[in-house]
Amino acid sequence: MSMIQAHKSPAAKMLRKVSAWRKGKNVKVTVPNWKLTEAQAKKTNQQFVTLTGYEMWGDPNPKQTKNK
């Protein structure tokens, strides 16, 4: 299997997207509409919806609070 074919698996594709999201890149993720939580669900009858990485996983670099 060549390197190009290895990168085509869905798991490898999602890992690349998560890695890019952690670096602060603007990532788009397409998911089935039924897998969304109520907070994420858009009022739509579409089978798949596209979300940004921020909508899907939140802020990649959350602000840390100081512990006293």
N, C-alpha and C. Protein backbone atom coordinates (compact mmCIF):
# COMPACT_ATOMS: atom_id res chain seq x y z
N MET A 1 0.85 -1.18 0.00
CA MET A 1 0.00 0.00 0.00
C MET A 1 0.90 1.24 0.00
N SER A 2 0.63 2.14 -0.89
CA SER A 2 1.43 3.36 -0.97
C SER A 2 0.98 4.36 0.09
N MET A 3 1.78 5.39 0.29
CA MET A 3 1.46 6.41 1.29
C MET A 3 0.18 7.16 0.93
N ILE A 4 -0.06 7.35 -0.36
CA ILE A 4 -1.27 8.05 -0.78
C ILE A 4 -2.51 7.25 -0.40
N GLN A 5 -2.47 5.95 -0.58
CA GLN A 5 -3.62 5.13 -0.22
C GLN A 5 -3.81 5.07 1.29
N ALA A 6 -2.73 5.12 2.05
CA ALA A 6 -2.82 5.04 3.50
C ALA A 6 -3.53 6.27 4.06
N HIS A 7 -3.39 7.40 3.41
CA HIS A 7 -4.01 8.63 3.90
C HIS A 7 -5.48 8.74 3.55
N LYS A 8 -6.01 7.82 2.79
CA LYS A 8 -7.40 7.90 2.38
C LYS A 8 -8.37 7.25 3.35
N SER A 9 -7.88 6.60 4.40
CA SER A 9 -8.79 5.95 5.34
C SER A 9 -9.51 7.02 6.16
N PRO A 10 -10.76 6.79 6.54
CA PRO A 10 -11.51 7.78 7.32
C PRO A 10 -10.85 8.11 8.66
N ALA A 11 -10.24 7.12 9.29
CA ALA A 11 -9.59 7.37 10.58
C ALA A 11 -8.39 8.29 10.41
N ALA A 12 -7.58 8.05 9.39
CA ALA A 12 -6.41 8.89 9.14
C ALA A 12 -6.84 10.31 8.80
N LYS A 13 -7.91 10.43 8.04
CA LYS A 13 -8.42 11.75 7.66
C LYS A 13 -8.87 12.53 8.89
N MET A 14 -9.58 11.86 9.81
CA MET A 14 -10.06 12.53 11.01
C MET A 14 -8.89 12.90 11.92
N LEU A 15 -7.88 12.04 12.01
CA LEU A 15 -6.70 12.36 12.82
C LEU A 15 -5.98 13.59 12.28
N ARG A 16 -5.89 13.71 10.95
CA ARG A 16 -5.27 14.89 10.35
C ARG A 16 -6.08 16.14 10.68
N LYS A 17 -7.42 16.03 10.66
CA LYS A 17 -8.27 17.18 10.97
C LYS A 17 -8.13 17.59 12.43
N VAL A 18 -8.09 16.63 13.34
CA VAL A 18 -7.93 16.95 14.76
C VAL A 18 -6.57 17.59 15.01
N SER A 19 -5.54 17.07 14.36
CA SER A 19 -4.20 17.64 14.51
C SER A 19 -4.16 19.08 14.02
N ALA A 20 -4.80 19.36 12.89
CA ALA A 20 -4.85 20.72 12.35
C ALA A 20 -5.66 21.63 13.27
N TRP A 21 -6.76 21.13 13.84
CA TRP A 21 -7.59 21.91 14.76
C TRP A 21 -6.79 22.29 16.00
N ARG A 22 -5.99 21.35 16.52
CA ARG A 22 -5.17 21.64 17.70
C ARG A 22 -4.14 22.72 17.43
N LYS A 23 -3.71 22.85 16.18
CA LYS A 23 -2.76 23.89 15.80
C LYS A 23 -3.45 25.22 15.55
N GLY A 24 -4.78 25.25 15.63
CA GLY A 24 -5.52 26.49 15.44
C GLY A 24 -5.99 26.73 14.02
N LYS A 25 -5.91 25.73 13.17
CA LYS A 25 -6.35 25.86 11.78
C LYS A 25 -7.88 25.80 11.71
N ASN A 26 -8.44 26.36 10.65
CA ASN A 26 -9.88 26.33 10.43
C ASN A 26 -10.24 25.01 9.73
N VAL A 27 -10.87 24.09 10.46
CA VAL A 27 -11.15 22.75 9.97
C VAL A 27 -12.66 22.59 9.81
N LYS A 28 -13.07 21.95 8.73
CA LYS A 28 -14.49 21.63 8.50
C LYS A 28 -14.68 20.13 8.65
N VAL A 29 -15.74 19.72 9.37
CA VAL A 29 -16.03 18.31 9.60
C VAL A 29 -17.46 18.05 9.16
N THR A 30 -17.66 17.05 8.31
CA THR A 30 -18.99 16.67 7.87
C THR A 30 -19.42 15.44 8.67
N VAL A 31 -20.58 15.56 9.34
CA VAL A 31 -21.08 14.47 10.18
C VAL A 31 -22.55 14.21 9.87
N PRO A 32 -23.02 13.00 10.13
CA PRO A 32 -24.45 12.74 9.97
C PRO A 32 -25.25 13.61 10.94
N ASN A 33 -26.39 14.07 10.53
CA ASN A 33 -27.20 14.98 11.33
C ASN A 33 -27.67 14.33 12.63
N TRP A 34 -27.86 13.04 12.65
CA TRP A 34 -28.38 12.36 13.83
C TRP A 34 -27.33 12.20 14.92
N LYS A 35 -26.05 12.46 14.65
CA LYS A 35 -25.00 12.32 15.66
C LYS A 35 -24.78 13.59 16.46
N LEU A 36 -25.48 14.65 16.15
CA LEU A 36 -25.27 15.92 16.83
C LEU A 36 -26.05 16.00 18.13
N THR A 37 -25.51 16.73 19.08
CA THR A 37 -26.24 17.00 20.31
C THR A 37 -27.25 18.11 20.03
N GLU A 38 -28.17 18.33 20.94
CA GLU A 38 -29.18 19.36 20.71
C GLU A 38 -28.55 20.74 20.58
N ALA A 39 -27.48 20.98 21.32
CA ALA A 39 -26.82 22.29 21.24
C ALA A 39 -26.19 22.51 19.87
N GLN A 40 -25.72 21.44 19.23
CA GLN A 40 -25.08 21.56 17.93
C GLN A 40 -26.07 21.45 16.78
N ALA A 41 -27.20 20.80 17.02
CA ALA A 41 -28.14 20.51 15.94
C ALA A 41 -28.70 21.80 15.34
N LYS A 42 -28.68 21.84 14.05
CA LYS A 42 -29.29 22.96 13.35
C LYS A 42 -30.66 22.49 12.88
N LYS A 43 -31.59 23.38 12.85
CA LYS A 43 -32.94 22.99 12.43
C LYS A 43 -32.92 22.80 10.91
N THR A 44 -32.63 21.58 10.52
CA THR A 44 -32.51 21.26 9.11
C THR A 44 -32.95 19.83 8.88
N ASN A 45 -33.33 19.55 7.67
CA ASN A 45 -33.70 18.19 7.32
C ASN A 45 -32.63 17.52 6.47
N GLN A 46 -31.43 18.09 6.46
CA GLN A 46 -30.34 17.54 5.66
C GLN A 46 -29.79 16.29 6.33
N GLN A 47 -29.32 15.35 5.52
CA GLN A 47 -28.78 14.10 6.03
C GLN A 47 -27.42 14.32 6.70
N PHE A 48 -26.58 15.19 6.13
CA PHE A 48 -25.27 15.49 6.68
C PHE A 48 -25.15 17.00 6.88
N VAL A 49 -24.42 17.39 7.91
CA VAL A 49 -24.17 18.81 8.15
C VAL A 49 -22.67 19.02 8.30
N THR A 50 -22.20 20.20 7.92
CA THR A 50 -20.79 20.54 8.02
C THR A 50 -20.61 21.52 9.17
N LEU A 51 -19.72 21.16 10.08
CA LEU A 51 -19.42 21.99 11.23
C LEU A 51 -17.96 22.40 11.20
N THR A 52 -17.64 23.51 11.83
CA THR A 52 -16.23 23.87 11.98
C THR A 52 -15.66 23.09 13.15
N GLY A 53 -14.36 23.03 13.22
CA GLY A 53 -13.72 22.34 14.34
C GLY A 53 -14.09 22.97 15.67
N TYR A 54 -14.24 24.29 15.68
CA TYR A 54 -14.62 24.99 16.91
C TYR A 54 -16.02 24.58 17.36
N GLU A 55 -16.97 24.42 16.43
CA GLU A 55 -18.32 23.99 16.78
C GLU A 55 -18.34 22.53 17.25
N MET A 56 -17.49 21.73 16.66
CA MET A 56 -17.49 20.30 16.95
C MET A 56 -16.79 19.98 18.27
N TRP A 57 -15.57 20.52 18.46
CA TRP A 57 -14.75 20.16 19.60
C TRP A 57 -14.50 21.31 20.58
N GLY A 58 -14.89 22.51 20.24
CA GLY A 58 -14.65 23.65 21.12
C GLY A 58 -13.33 24.34 20.80
N ASP A 59 -12.89 25.16 21.74
CA ASP A 59 -11.67 25.93 21.56
C ASP A 59 -10.45 25.03 21.72
N PRO A 60 -9.52 25.01 20.75
CA PRO A 60 -8.35 24.14 20.86
C PRO A 60 -7.36 24.63 21.92
N ASN A 61 -7.40 25.91 22.25
CA ASN A 61 -6.48 26.48 23.23
C ASN A 61 -7.29 27.21 24.30
N PRO A 62 -7.93 26.48 25.21
CA PRO A 62 -8.75 27.15 26.21
C PRO A 62 -7.89 27.97 27.15
N LYS A 63 -8.46 29.07 27.64
CA LYS A 63 -7.74 29.92 28.58
C LYS A 63 -7.61 29.18 29.91
N GLN A 64 -6.44 29.16 30.45
CA GLN A 64 -6.21 28.48 31.72
C GLN A 64 -6.42 29.45 32.86
N THR A 65 -7.09 29.01 33.91
CA THR A 65 -7.30 29.84 35.08
C THR A 65 -6.19 29.59 36.07
N LYS A 66 -5.88 30.60 36.84
CA LYS A 66 -4.82 30.45 37.84
C LYS A 66 -5.38 29.74 39.06
N ASN A 67 -4.63 28.78 39.54
CA ASN A 67 -5.00 28.07 40.77
C ASN A 67 -4.31 28.75 41.95
N LYS A 68 -5.07 29.05 42.97
CA LYS A 68 -4.48 29.71 44.15
C LYS A 68 -4.06 28.71 45.18
